Structure formats: structure tokens, C-alpha cells
Amino acid sequence: MQVRKSIILATLALASAAAGVSVYAAGQQGNDARVITGAKVSLAQAVTAAEQHIGGNASKAEVESHNGKLVYDVEVVKGPQVFDVKISPDQGTVIASAEDKADRDDHDHQD
């Protein structure tokens, strides 16, 4: 489990570093590149904040609109539960978190 977490964090850090603060979110029509201008917090830092808040492991991270602003949306797994955690790109703080009963954002049927 620790190896998986390290691989996820390394992948997220590389993607964040390579694209500045660009984050690629998979959509129904393909990849949707969004840029959070002026972000002070990296995607990797947002993942760490979300994992610490829930006490679990991140399985997915993307950029999403929340109340009209772009935020980091991190999906965190803790035991049998999955949580959606919104992180501020400016302060790295948790804006909102809720258990995700039915993963509405996951349109993949199988990898």
C-alpha cells in the first residue's frame, strides 16, 4: 500500500512540476487541461493535505469548479469509504469534504 501511495504521489508531483499548475482532468470528450493561475499550492501538496484530513490514501486528483472557483478535488479512500476533498489552490486548506456514496465523476467502466 505504501508503494502504491509513493507511486501516486510521484506521478502527481511530476505532472504538477512539468505543467506548472496545469492539471489534466479526464472528461467524456478526452483530456480537459485547466490552469489555476496564481496557485500557491501544488497538486502534490493538495493531495497530502487531503490525505491528512481524512486519514486515508488518495486515489484520484483533478481540478474542479466549486462555487464558481477552480479548486483541487482529491478523492481519498479510507477503508471501505471514499471521500471527495476540495482543497484551496491558494492556501492549501480544506474547503469542503464529504463521503462519496456513488462516484458520480468516474465514467470509466473498466481500465
PDB file of N, CA and C in Angstrom:
ATOM      1  N   MET A   1       0.830  -1.190   0.000  1.00  0.00           N
ATOM      2  CA  MET A   1       0.000   0.000   0.000  1.00  0.00           C
ATOM      3  C   MET A   1       0.872   1.251   0.000  1.00  0.00           C
ATOM      4  N   GLN A   2       1.984   1.214   0.759  1.00  0.00           N
ATOM      5  CA  GLN A   2       2.884   2.355   0.821  1.00  0.00           C
ATOM      6  C   GLN A   2       3.535   2.590  -0.540  1.00  0.00           C
ATOM      7  N   VAL A   3       3.874   1.506  -1.257  1.00  0.00           N
ATOM      8  CA  VAL A   3       4.478   1.637  -2.582  1.00  0.00           C
ATOM      9  C   VAL A   3       3.487   2.292  -3.533  1.00  0.00           C
ATOM     10  N   ARG A   4       2.239   1.876  -3.471  1.00  0.00           N
ATOM     11  CA  ARG A   4       1.201   2.457  -4.331  1.00  0.00           C
ATOM     12  C   ARG A   4       1.040   3.946  -4.054  1.00  0.00           C
ATOM     13  N   LYS A   5       1.042   4.309  -2.780  1.00  0.00           N
ATOM     14  CA  LYS A   5       0.920   5.716  -2.397  1.00  0.00           C
ATOM     15  C   LYS A   5       2.102   6.511  -2.937  1.00  0.00           C
ATOM     16  N   SER A   6       3.310   5.951  -2.829  1.00  0.00           N
ATOM     17  CA  SER A   6       4.503   6.632  -3.319  1.00  0.00           C
ATOM     18  C   SER A   6       4.448   6.828  -4.829  1.00  0.00           C
ATOM     19  N   ILE A   7       3.975   5.816  -5.542  1.00  0.00           N
ATOM     20  CA  ILE A   7       3.860   5.916  -6.995  1.00  0.00           C
ATOM     21  C   ILE A   7       2.850   6.993  -7.371  1.00  0.00           C
ATOM     22  N   ILE A   8       1.720   7.027  -6.681  1.00  0.00           N
ATOM     23  CA  ILE A   8       0.700   8.034  -6.963  1.00  0.00           C
ATOM     24  C   ILE A   8       1.249   9.428  -6.699  1.00  0.00           C
ATOM     25  N   LEU A   9       1.900   9.626  -5.552  1.00  0.00           N
ATOM     26  CA  LEU A   9       2.437  10.936  -5.216  1.00  0.00           C
ATOM     27  C   LEU A   9       3.536  11.360  -6.178  1.00  0.00           C
ATOM     28  N   ALA A  10       4.388  10.420  -6.577  1.00  0.00           N
ATOM     29  CA  ALA A  10       5.455  10.749  -7.524  1.00  0.00           C
ATOM     30  C   ALA A  10       4.869  11.142  -8.874  1.00  0.00           C
ATOM     31  N   THR A  11       3.873  10.414  -9.312  1.00  0.00           N
ATOM     32  CA  THR A  11       3.216  10.730 -10.576  1.00  0.00           C
ATOM     33  C   THR A  11       2.555  12.096 -10.518  1.00  0.00           C
ATOM     34  N   LEU A  12       1.857  12.371  -9.440  1.00  0.00           N
ATOM     35  CA  LEU A  12       1.202  13.666  -9.284  1.00  0.00           C
ATOM     36  C   LEU A  12       2.214  14.797  -9.209  1.00  0.00           C
ATOM     37  N   ALA A  13       3.315  14.583  -8.509  1.00  0.00           N
ATOM     38  CA  ALA A  13       4.335  15.623  -8.395  1.00  0.00           C
ATOM     39  C   ALA A  13       4.975  15.916  -9.746  1.00  0.00           C
ATOM     40  N   LEU A  14       5.265  14.864 -10.516  1.00  0.00           N
ATOM     41  CA  LEU A  14       5.854  15.057 -11.839  1.00  0.00           C
ATOM     42  C   LEU A  14       4.908  15.795 -12.771  1.00  0.00           C
ATOM     43  N   ALA A  15       3.650  15.412 -12.748  1.00  0.00           N
ATOM     44  CA  ALA A  15       2.670  16.081 -13.608  1.00  0.00           C
ATOM     45  C   ALA A  15       2.531  17.544 -13.221  1.00  0.00           C
ATOM     46  N   SER A  16       2.512  17.809 -11.932  1.00  0.00           N
ATOM     47  CA  SER A  16       2.389  19.184 -11.451  1.00  0.00           C
ATOM     48  C   SER A  16       3.618  20.004 -11.808  1.00  0.00           C
ATOM     49  N   ALA A  17       4.798  19.430 -11.630  1.00  0.00           N
ATOM     50  CA  ALA A  17       6.036  20.145 -11.932  1.00  0.00           C
ATOM     51  C   ALA A  17       6.185  20.400 -13.420  1.00  0.00           C
ATOM     52  N   ALA A  18       5.845  19.419 -14.235  1.00  0.00           N
ATOM     53  CA  ALA A  18       6.004  19.545 -15.675  1.00  0.00           C
ATOM     54  C   ALA A  18       5.077  20.592 -16.270  1.00  0.00           C
ATOM     55  N   ALA A  19       3.934  20.747 -15.687  1.00  0.00           N
ATOM     56  CA  ALA A  19       2.943  21.652 -16.251  1.00  0.00           C
ATOM     57  C   ALA A  19       2.725  22.883 -15.388  1.00  0.00           C
ATOM     58  N   GLY A  20       3.613  23.140 -14.449  1.00  0.00           N
ATOM     59  CA  GLY A  20       3.398  24.276 -13.557  1.00  0.00           C
ATOM     60  C   GLY A  20       2.229  23.943 -12.656  1.00  0.00           C
ATOM     61  N   VAL A  21       1.165  24.647 -12.823  1.00  0.00           N
ATOM     62  CA  VAL A  21      -0.036  24.336 -12.061  1.00  0.00           C
ATOM     63  C   VAL A  21      -1.140  23.824 -12.977  1.00  0.00           C
ATOM     64  N   SER A  22      -0.752  23.324 -14.137  1.00  0.00           N
ATOM     65  CA  SER A  22      -1.733  22.746 -15.050  1.00  0.00           C
ATOM     66  C   SER A  22      -2.120  21.369 -14.547  1.00  0.00           C
ATOM     67  N   VAL A  23      -3.369  21.087 -14.608  1.00  0.00           N
ATOM     68  CA  VAL A  23      -3.865  19.797 -14.188  1.00  0.00           C
ATOM     69  C   VAL A  23      -4.742  19.255 -15.288  1.00  0.00           C
ATOM     70  N   TYR A  24      -4.570  17.985 -15.584  1.00  0.00           N
ATOM     71  CA  TYR A  24      -5.351  17.374 -16.642  1.00  0.00           C
ATOM     72  C   TYR A  24      -6.441  16.507 -16.031  1.00  0.00           C
ATOM     73  N   ALA A  25      -7.669  16.843 -16.353  1.00  0.00           N
ATOM     74  CA  ALA A  25      -8.806  16.097 -15.844  1.00  0.00           C
ATOM     75  C   ALA A  25      -9.447  15.353 -16.999  1.00  0.00           C
ATOM     76  N   ALA A  26      -9.666  14.081 -16.812  1.00  0.00           N
ATOM     77  CA  ALA A  26     -10.277  13.287 -17.875  1.00  0.00           C
ATOM     78  C   ALA A  26     -11.764  13.614 -17.951  1.00  0.00           C
ATOM     79  N   GLY A  27     -12.215  13.924 -19.128  1.00  0.00           N
ATOM     80  CA  GLY A  27     -13.629  14.218 -19.350  1.00  0.00           C
ATOM     81  C   GLY A  27     -14.205  13.253 -20.356  1.00  0.00           C
ATOM     82  N   GLN A  28     -15.464  13.385 -20.647  1.00  0.00           N
ATOM     83  CA  GLN A  28     -16.106  12.495 -21.596  1.00  0.00           C
ATOM     84  C   GLN A  28     -15.548  12.681 -22.998  1.00  0.00           C
ATOM     85  N   GLN A  29     -15.075  13.860 -23.334  1.00  0.00           N
ATOM     86  CA  GLN A  29     -14.559  14.137 -24.662  1.00  0.00           C
ATOM     87  C   GLN A  29     -13.031  14.041 -24.715  1.00  0.00           C
ATOM     88  N   GLY A  30     -12.373  13.557 -23.680  1.00  0.00           N
ATOM     89  CA  GLY A  30     -10.920  13.458 -23.652  1.00  0.00           C
ATOM     90  C   GLY A  30     -10.357  14.283 -22.519  1.00  0.00           C
ATOM     91  N   ASN A  31      -9.103  14.668 -22.642  1.00  0.00           N
ATOM     92  CA  ASN A  31      -8.454  15.450 -21.585  1.00  0.00           C
ATOM     93  C   ASN A  31      -8.845  16.910 -21.669  1.00  0.00           C
ATOM     94  N   ASP A  32      -9.153  17.474 -20.516  1.00  0.00           N
ATOM     95  CA  ASP A  32      -9.540  18.876 -20.399  1.00  0.00           C
ATOM     96  C   ASP A  32      -8.482  19.567 -19.555  1.00  0.00           C
ATOM     97  N   ALA A  33      -7.553  20.292 -20.213  1.00  0.00           N
ATOM     98  CA  ALA A  33      -6.477  20.963 -19.479  1.00  0.00           C
ATOM     99  C   ALA A  33      -6.997  22.269 -18.906  1.00  0.00           C
ATOM    100  N   ARG A  34      -6.798  22.435 -17.605  1.00  0.00           N
ATOM    101  CA  ARG A  34      -7.212  23.667 -16.928  1.00  0.00           C
ATOM    102  C   ARG A  34      -6.024  24.212 -16.168  1.00  0.00           C
ATOM    103  N   VAL A  35      -5.916  25.506 -16.099  1.00  0.00           N
ATOM    104  CA  VAL A  35      -4.810  26.124 -15.384  1.00  0.00           C
ATOM    105  C   VAL A  35      -5.372  26.962 -14.245  1.00  0.00           C
ATOM    106  N   ILE A  36      -4.844  26.755 -13.058  1.00  0.00           N
ATOM    107  CA  ILE A  36      -5.192  27.613 -11.924  1.00  0.00           C
ATOM    108  C   ILE A  36      -4.102  28.661 -11.861  1.00  0.00           C
ATOM    109  N   THR A  37      -4.417  29.863 -12.318  1.00  0.00           N
ATOM    110  CA  THR A  37      -3.415  30.921 -12.335  1.00  0.00           C
ATOM    111  C   THR A  37      -3.174  31.444 -10.919  1.00  0.00           C
ATOM    112  N   GLY A  38      -1.925  31.651 -10.602  1.00  0.00           N
ATOM    113  CA  GLY A  38      -1.568  32.204  -9.302  1.00  0.00           C
ATOM    114  C   GLY A  38      -1.656  31.227  -8.153  1.00  0.00           C
ATOM    115  N   ALA A  39      -1.768  29.924  -8.425  1.00  0.00           N
ATOM    116  CA  ALA A  39      -1.848  28.943  -7.343  1.00  0.00           C
ATOM    117  C   ALA A  39      -0.554  28.931  -6.555  1.00  0.00           C
ATOM    118  N   LYS A  40      -0.668  28.931  -5.249  1.00  0.00           N
ATOM    119  CA  LYS A  40       0.497  28.895  -4.369  1.00  0.00           C
ATOM    120  C   LYS A  40       0.758  27.488  -3.854  1.00  0.00           C
ATOM    121  N   VAL A  41      -0.185  26.589  -4.106  1.00  0.00           N
ATOM    122  CA  VAL A  41      -0.112  25.221  -3.607  1.00  0.00           C
ATOM    123  C   VAL A  41      -0.074  24.276  -4.805  1.00  0.00           C
ATOM    124  N   SER A  42       0.857  23.330  -4.784  1.00  0.00           N
ATOM    125  CA  SER A  42       0.952  22.359  -5.873  1.00  0.00           C
ATOM    126  C   SER A  42      -0.098  21.265  -5.698  1.00  0.00           C
ATOM    127  N   LEU A  43      -0.329  20.524  -6.746  1.00  0.00           N
ATOM    128  CA  LEU A  43      -1.266  19.405  -6.689  1.00  0.00           C
ATOM    129  C   LEU A  43      -0.776  18.372  -5.672  1.00  0.00           C
ATOM    130  N   ALA A  44       0.521  18.118  -5.641  1.00  0.00           N
ATOM    131  CA  ALA A  44       1.076  17.160  -4.678  1.00  0.00           C
ATOM    132  C   ALA A  44       0.817  17.615  -3.236  1.00  0.00           C
ATOM    133  N   GLN A  45       0.950  18.911  -2.971  1.00  0.00           N
ATOM    134  CA  GLN A  45       0.675  19.436  -1.627  1.00  0.00           C
ATOM    135  C   GLN A  45      -0.812  19.298  -1.288  1.00  0.00           C
ATOM    136  N   ALA A  46      -1.673  19.505  -2.285  1.00  0.00           N
ATOM    137  CA  ALA A  46      -3.116  19.354  -2.068  1.00  0.00           C
ATOM    138  C   ALA A  46      -3.461  17.908  -1.739  1.00  0.00           C
ATOM    139  N   VAL A  47      -2.823  16.967  -2.419  1.00  0.00           N
ATOM    140  CA  VAL A  47      -3.046  15.543  -2.143  1.00  0.00           C
ATOM    141  C   VAL A  47      -2.648  15.217  -0.711  1.00  0.00           C
ATOM    142  N   THR A  48      -1.505  15.701  -0.284  1.00  0.00           N
ATOM    143  CA  THR A  48      -1.041  15.460   1.084  1.00  0.00           C
ATOM    144  C   THR A  48      -2.016  16.035   2.112  1.00  0.00           C
ATOM    145  N   ALA A  49      -2.503  17.251   1.875  1.00  0.00           N
ATOM    146  CA  ALA A  49      -3.461  17.880   2.799  1.00  0.00           C
ATOM    147  C   ALA A  49      -4.751  17.074   2.882  1.00  0.00           C
ATOM    148  N   ALA A  50      -5.230  16.592   1.745  1.00  0.00           N
ATOM    149  CA  ALA A  50      -6.473  15.808   1.727  1.00  0.00           C
ATOM    150  C   ALA A  50      -6.289  14.477   2.448  1.00  0.00           C
ATOM    151  N   GLU A  51      -5.155  13.818   2.213  1.00  0.00           N
ATOM    152  CA  GLU A  51      -4.888  12.538   2.889  1.00  0.00           C
ATOM    153  C   GLU A  51      -4.808  12.718   4.400  1.00  0.00           C
ATOM    154  N   GLN A  52      -4.156  13.775   4.844  1.00  0.00           N
ATOM    155  CA  GLN A  52      -4.047  14.036   6.279  1.00  0.00           C
ATOM    156  C   GLN A  52      -5.405  14.375   6.887  1.00  0.00           C
ATOM    157  N   HIS A  53      -6.226  15.107   6.150  1.00  0.00           N
ATOM    158  CA  HIS A  53      -7.546  15.490   6.648  1.00  0.00           C
ATOM    159  C   HIS A  53      -8.431  14.265   6.883  1.00  0.00           C
ATOM    160  N   ILE A  54      -8.392  13.327   5.953  1.00  0.00           N
ATOM    161  CA  ILE A  54      -9.248  12.140   6.040  1.00  0.00           C
ATOM    162  C   ILE A  54      -8.558  11.001   6.791  1.00  0.00           C
ATOM    163  N   GLY A  55      -7.243  10.931   6.698  1.00  0.00           N
ATOM    164  CA  GLY A  55      -6.524   9.804   7.295  1.00  0.00           C
ATOM    165  C   GLY A  55      -6.535   8.600   6.374  1.00  0.00           C
ATOM    166  N   GLY A  56      -6.539   8.861   5.063  1.00  0.00           N
ATOM    167  CA  GLY A  56      -6.572   7.776   4.089  1.00  0.00           C
ATOM    168  C   GLY A  56      -5.573   8.015   2.980  1.00  0.00           C
ATOM    169  N   ASN A  57      -5.772   7.331   1.848  1.00  0.00           N
ATOM    170  CA  ASN A  57      -4.866   7.424   0.710  1.00  0.00           C
ATOM    171  C   ASN A  57      -5.595   7.967  -0.516  1.00  0.00           C
ATOM    172  N   ALA A  58      -4.959   8.900  -1.205  1.00  0.00           N
ATOM    173  CA  ALA A  58      -5.544   9.486  -2.411  1.00  0.00           C
ATOM    174  C   ALA A  58      -5.573   8.457  -3.532  1.00  0.00           C
ATOM    175  N   SER A  59      -6.650   8.469  -4.299  1.00  0.00           N
ATOM    176  CA  SER A  59      -6.749   7.579  -5.459  1.00  0.00           C
ATOM    177  C   SER A  59      -6.919   8.362  -6.747  1.00  0.00           C
ATOM    178  N   LYS A  60      -7.262   9.651  -6.634  1.00  0.00           N
ATOM    179  CA  LYS A  60      -7.505  10.471  -7.815  1.00  0.00           C
ATOM    180  C   LYS A  60      -7.427  11.936  -7.409  1.00  0.00           C
ATOM    181  N   ALA A  61      -6.895  12.770  -8.312  1.00  0.00           N
ATOM    182  CA  ALA A  61      -6.845  14.208  -8.049  1.00  0.00           C
ATOM    183  C   ALA A  61      -7.037  14.942  -9.363  1.00  0.00           C
ATOM    184  N   GLU A  62      -7.803  16.021  -9.316  1.00  0.00           N
ATOM    185  CA  GLU A  62      -8.081  16.810 -10.520  1.00  0.00           C
ATOM    186  C   GLU A  62      -8.476  18.218 -10.124  1.00  0.00           C
ATOM    187  N   VAL A  63      -8.694  19.047 -11.122  1.00  0.00           N
ATOM    188  CA  VAL A  63      -9.178  20.402 -10.898  1.00  0.00           C
ATOM    189  C   VAL A  63     -10.667  20.411 -11.196  1.00  0.00           C
ATOM    190  N   GLU A  64     -11.402  21.115 -10.361  1.00  0.00           N
ATOM    191  CA  GLU A  64     -12.856  21.147 -10.496  1.00  0.00           C
ATOM    192  C   GLU A  64     -13.359  22.529 -10.076  1.00  0.00           C
ATOM    193  N   SER A  65     -14.500  22.906 -10.579  1.00  0.00           N
ATOM    194  CA  SER A  65     -15.126  24.157 -10.177  1.00  0.00           C
ATOM    195  C   SER A  65     -15.959  23.913  -8.919  1.00  0.00           C
ATOM    196  N   HIS A  66     -15.771  24.772  -7.920  1.00  0.00           N
ATOM    197  CA  HIS A  66     -16.515  24.692  -6.664  1.00  0.00           C
ATOM    198  C   HIS A  66     -16.944  26.098  -6.295  1.00  0.00           C
ATOM    199  N   ASN A  67     -18.244  26.343  -6.290  1.00  0.00           N
ATOM    200  CA  ASN A  67     -18.787  27.675  -6.007  1.00  0.00           C
ATOM    201  C   ASN A  67     -18.190  28.739  -6.929  1.00  0.00           C
ATOM    202  N   GLY A  68     -18.002  28.372  -8.196  1.00  0.00           N
ATOM    203  CA  GLY A  68     -17.531  29.321  -9.194  1.00  0.00           C
ATOM    204  C   GLY A  68     -16.027  29.528  -9.239  1.00  0.00           C
ATOM    205  N   LYS A  69     -15.258  28.786  -8.423  1.00  0.00           N
ATOM    206  CA  LYS A  69     -13.805  28.918  -8.403  1.00  0.00           C
ATOM    207  C   LYS A  69     -13.165  27.562  -8.656  1.00  0.00           C
ATOM    208  N   LEU A  70     -11.995  27.581  -9.301  1.00  0.00           N
ATOM    209  CA  LEU A  70     -11.278  26.334  -9.522  1.00  0.00           C
ATOM    210  C   LEU A  70     -10.571  25.913  -8.241  1.00  0.00           C
ATOM    211  N   VAL A  71     -10.718  24.640  -7.895  1.00  0.00           N
ATOM    212  CA  VAL A  71     -10.098  24.075  -6.699  1.00  0.00           C
ATOM    213  C   VAL A  71      -9.520  22.708  -7.053  1.00  0.00           C
ATOM    214  N   TYR A  72      -8.651  22.207  -6.193  1.00  0.00           N
ATOM    215  CA  TYR A  72      -8.194  20.836  -6.326  1.00  0.00           C
ATOM    216  C   TYR A  72      -9.253  19.940  -5.704  1.00  0.00           C
ATOM    217  N   ASP A  73      -9.622  18.882  -6.418  1.00  0.00           N
ATOM    218  CA  ASP A  73     -10.576  17.895  -5.910  1.00  0.00           C
ATOM    219  C   ASP A  73      -9.824  16.582  -5.782  1.00  0.00           C
ATOM    220  N   VAL A  74      -9.669  16.111  -4.552  1.00  0.00           N
ATOM    221  CA  VAL A  74      -8.904  14.900  -4.295  1.00  0.00           C
ATOM    222  C   VAL A  74      -9.847  13.826  -3.752  1.00  0.00           C
ATOM    223  N   GLU A  75      -9.795  12.654  -4.371  1.00  0.00           N
ATOM    224  CA  GLU A  75     -10.591  11.517  -3.912  1.00  0.00           C
ATOM    225  C   GLU A  75      -9.700  10.705  -2.975  1.00  0.00           C
ATOM    226  N   VAL A  76     -10.163  10.502  -1.734  1.00  0.00           N
ATOM    227  CA  VAL A  76      -9.367   9.811  -0.715  1.00  0.00           C
ATOM    228  C   VAL A  76     -10.131   8.579  -0.240  1.00  0.00           C
ATOM    229  N   VAL A  77      -9.424   7.456  -0.195  1.00  0.00           N
ATOM    230  CA  VAL A  77     -10.007   6.194   0.251  1.00  0.00           C
ATOM    231  C   VAL A  77      -9.543   5.916   1.675  1.00  0.00           C
ATOM    232  N   LYS A  78     -10.514   5.595   2.537  1.00  0.00           N
ATOM    233  CA  LYS A  78     -10.212   5.207   3.915  1.00  0.00           C
ATOM    234  C   LYS A  78     -11.073   3.989   4.225  1.00  0.00           C
ATOM    235  N   GLY A  79     -10.440   2.834   4.250  1.00  0.00           N
ATOM    236  CA  GLY A  79     -11.192   1.597   4.450  1.00  0.00           C
ATOM    237  C   GLY A  79     -12.178   1.415   3.311  1.00  0.00           C
ATOM    238  N   PRO A  80     -13.435   1.134   3.623  1.00  0.00           N
ATOM    239  CA  PRO A  80     -14.435   0.950   2.569  1.00  0.00           C
ATOM    240  C   PRO A  80     -15.055   2.266   2.080  1.00  0.00           C
ATOM    241  N   GLN A  81     -14.661   3.375   2.673  1.00  0.00           N
ATOM    242  CA  GLN A  81     -15.254   4.669   2.342  1.00  0.00           C
ATOM    243  C   GLN A  81     -14.384   5.455   1.369  1.00  0.00           C
ATOM    244  N   VAL A  82     -15.052   6.276   0.546  1.00  0.00           N
ATOM    245  CA  VAL A  82     -14.374   7.177  -0.381  1.00  0.00           C
ATOM    246  C   VAL A  82     -14.872   8.589  -0.085  1.00  0.00           C
ATOM    247  N   PHE A  83     -13.942   9.538  -0.008  1.00  0.00           N
ATOM    248  CA  PHE A  83     -14.282  10.920   0.298  1.00  0.00           C
ATOM    249  C   PHE A  83     -13.802  11.832  -0.823  1.00  0.00           C
ATOM    250  N   ASP A  84     -14.589  12.856  -1.132  1.00  0.00           N
ATOM    251  CA  ASP A  84     -14.186  13.918  -2.038  1.00  0.00           C
ATOM    252  C   ASP A  84     -13.763  15.090  -1.174  1.00  0.00           C
ATOM    253  N   VAL A  85     -12.526  15.533  -1.349  1.00  0.00           N
ATOM    254  CA  VAL A  85     -11.981  16.626  -0.539  1.00  0.00           C
ATOM    255  C   VAL A  85     -11.591  17.762  -1.472  1.00  0.00           C
ATOM    256  N   LYS A  86     -12.121  18.943  -1.224  1.00  0.00           N
ATOM    257  CA  LYS A  86     -11.807  20.139  -2.004  1.00  0.00           C
ATOM    258  C   LYS A  86     -10.726  20.921  -1.263  1.00  0.00           C
ATOM    259  N   ILE A  87      -9.646  21.260  -1.993  1.00  0.00           N
ATOM    260  CA  ILE A  87      -8.509  21.964  -1.407  1.00  0.00           C
ATOM    261  C   ILE A  87      -8.307  23.302  -2.113  1.00  0.00           C
ATOM    262  N   SER A  88      -8.087  24.350  -1.337  1.00  0.00           N
ATOM    263  CA  SER A  88      -7.824  25.681  -1.879  1.00  0.00           C
ATOM    264  C   SER A  88      -6.457  25.701  -2.560  1.00  0.00           C
ATOM    265  N   PRO A  89      -6.390  26.181  -3.827  1.00  0.00           N
ATOM    266  CA  PRO A  89      -5.107  26.263  -4.513  1.00  0.00           C
ATOM    267  C   PRO A  89      -4.243  27.428  -3.998  1.00  0.00           C
ATOM    268  N   ASP A  90      -4.832  28.304  -3.220  1.00  0.00           N
ATOM    269  CA  ASP A  90      -4.099  29.462  -2.688  1.00  0.00           C
ATOM    270  C   ASP A  90      -3.534  29.209  -1.298  1.00  0.00           C
ATOM    271  N   GLN A  91      -4.291  28.483  -0.466  1.00  0.00           N
ATOM    272  CA  GLN A  91      -3.876  28.304   0.928  1.00  0.00           C
ATOM    273  C   GLN A  91      -3.572  26.854   1.295  1.00  0.00           C
ATOM    274  N   GLY A  92      -3.999  25.916   0.477  1.00  0.00           N
ATOM    275  CA  GLY A  92      -3.767  24.504   0.777  1.00  0.00           C
ATOM    276  C   GLY A  92      -4.654  23.967   1.876  1.00  0.00           C
ATOM    277  N   THR A  93      -5.717  24.703   2.200  1.00  0.00           N
ATOM    278  CA  THR A  93      -6.625  24.290   3.261  1.00  0.00           C
ATOM    279  C   THR A  93      -7.831  23.555   2.672  1.00  0.00           C
ATOM    280  N   VAL A  94      -8.471  22.767   3.513  1.00  0.00           N
ATOM    281  CA  VAL A  94      -9.666  22.037   3.101  1.00  0.00           C
ATOM    282  C   VAL A  94     -10.833  23.010   3.038  1.00  0.00           C
ATOM    283  N   ILE A  95     -11.467  23.075   1.877  1.00  0.00           N
ATOM    284  CA  ILE A  95     -12.642  23.920   1.683  1.00  0.00           C
ATOM    285  C   ILE A  95     -13.899  23.144   2.029  1.00  0.00           C
ATOM    286  N   ALA A  96     -13.922  21.870   1.612  1.00  0.00           N
ATOM    287  CA  ALA A  96     -15.078  21.016   1.856  1.00  0.00           C
ATOM    288  C   ALA A  96     -14.644  19.563   1.746  1.00  0.00           C
ATOM    289  N   SER A  97     -15.348  18.698   2.448  1.00  0.00           N
ATOM    290  CA  SER A  97     -15.118  17.258   2.298  1.00  0.00           C
ATOM    291  C   SER A  97     -16.418  16.542   2.595  1.00  0.00           C
ATOM    292  N   ALA A  98     -16.647  15.479   1.834  1.00  0.00           N
ATOM    293  CA  ALA A  98     -17.873  14.704   2.013  1.00  0.00           C
ATOM    294  C   ALA A  98     -17.645  13.285   1.527  1.00  0.00           C
ATOM    295  N   GLU A  99     -18.338  12.353   2.155  1.00  0.00           N
ATOM    296  CA  GLU A  99     -18.251  10.970   1.695  1.00  0.00           C
ATOM    297  C   GLU A  99     -18.918  10.869   0.330  1.00  0.00           C
ATOM    298  N   ASP A 100     -18.276  10.181  -0.568  1.00  0.00           N
ATOM    299  CA  ASP A 100     -18.774   9.992  -1.926  1.00  0.00           C
ATOM    300  C   ASP A 100     -19.457   8.632  -1.985  1.00  0.00           C
ATOM    301  N   LYS A 101     -20.772   8.620  -1.796  1.00  0.00           N
ATOM    302  CA  LYS A 101     -21.537   7.367  -1.755  1.00  0.00           C
ATOM    303  C   LYS A 101     -21.557   6.670  -3.107  1.00  0.00           C
ATOM    304  N   ALA A 102     -21.745   7.427  -4.181  1.00  0.00           N
ATOM    305  CA  ALA A 102     -21.747   6.884  -5.538  1.00  0.00           C
ATOM    306  C   ALA A 102     -20.825   7.769  -6.352  1.00  0.00           C
ATOM    307  N   ASP A 103     -19.723   7.214  -6.826  1.00  0.00           N
ATOM    308  CA  ASP A 103     -18.706   8.015  -7.515  1.00  0.00           C
ATOM    309  C   ASP A 103     -19.247   8.508  -8.849  1.00  0.00           C
ATOM    310  N   ARG A 104     -19.904   9.656  -8.807  1.00  0.00           N
ATOM    311  CA  ARG A 104     -20.560  10.235  -9.983  1.00  0.00           C
ATOM    312  C   ARG A 104     -19.566  10.685 -11.040  1.00  0.00           C
ATOM    313  N   ASP A 105     -18.344  11.043 -10.638  1.00  0.00           N
ATOM    314  CA  ASP A 105     -17.365  11.598 -11.579  1.00  0.00           C
ATOM    315  C   ASP A 105     -16.631  10.518 -12.360  1.00  0.00           C
ATOM    316  N   ASP A 106     -16.709   9.272 -11.945  1.00  0.00           N
ATOM    317  CA  ASP A 106     -15.961   8.205 -12.591  1.00  0.00           C
ATOM    318  C   ASP A 106     -16.784   7.601 -13.702  1.00  0.00           C
ATOM    319  N   HIS A 107     -16.447   7.958 -14.937  1.00  0.00           N
ATOM    320  CA  HIS A 107     -17.188   7.474 -16.102  1.00  0.00           C
ATOM    321  C   HIS A 107     -16.546   6.245 -16.709  1.00  0.00           C
ATOM    322  N   ASP A 108     -15.404   5.818 -16.161  1.00  0.00           N
ATOM    323  CA  ASP A 108     -14.738   4.628 -16.689  1.00  0.00           C
ATOM    324  C   ASP A 108     -15.451   3.389 -16.165  1.00  0.00           C
ATOM    325  N   HIS A 109     -15.694   2.457 -17.055  1.00  0.00           N
ATOM    326  CA  HIS A 109     -16.321   1.213 -16.637  1.00  0.00           C
ATOM    327  C   HIS A 109     -15.282   0.221 -16.154  1.00  0.00           C
ATOM    328  N   GLN A 110     -14.139   0.205 -16.868  1.00  0.00           N
ATOM    329  CA  GLN A 110     -13.073  -0.706 -16.524  1.00  0.00           C
ATOM    330  C   GLN A 110     -11.802  -0.229 -17.190  1.00  0.00           C
ATOM    331  N   ASP A 111     -10.665  -0.372 -16.519  1.00  0.00           N
ATOM    332  CA  ASP A 111      -9.381   0.002 -17.130  1.00  0.00           C
ATOM    333  C   ASP A 111      -8.784  -1.170 -17.838  1.00  0.00           C
TER     334      ASP A 111
END
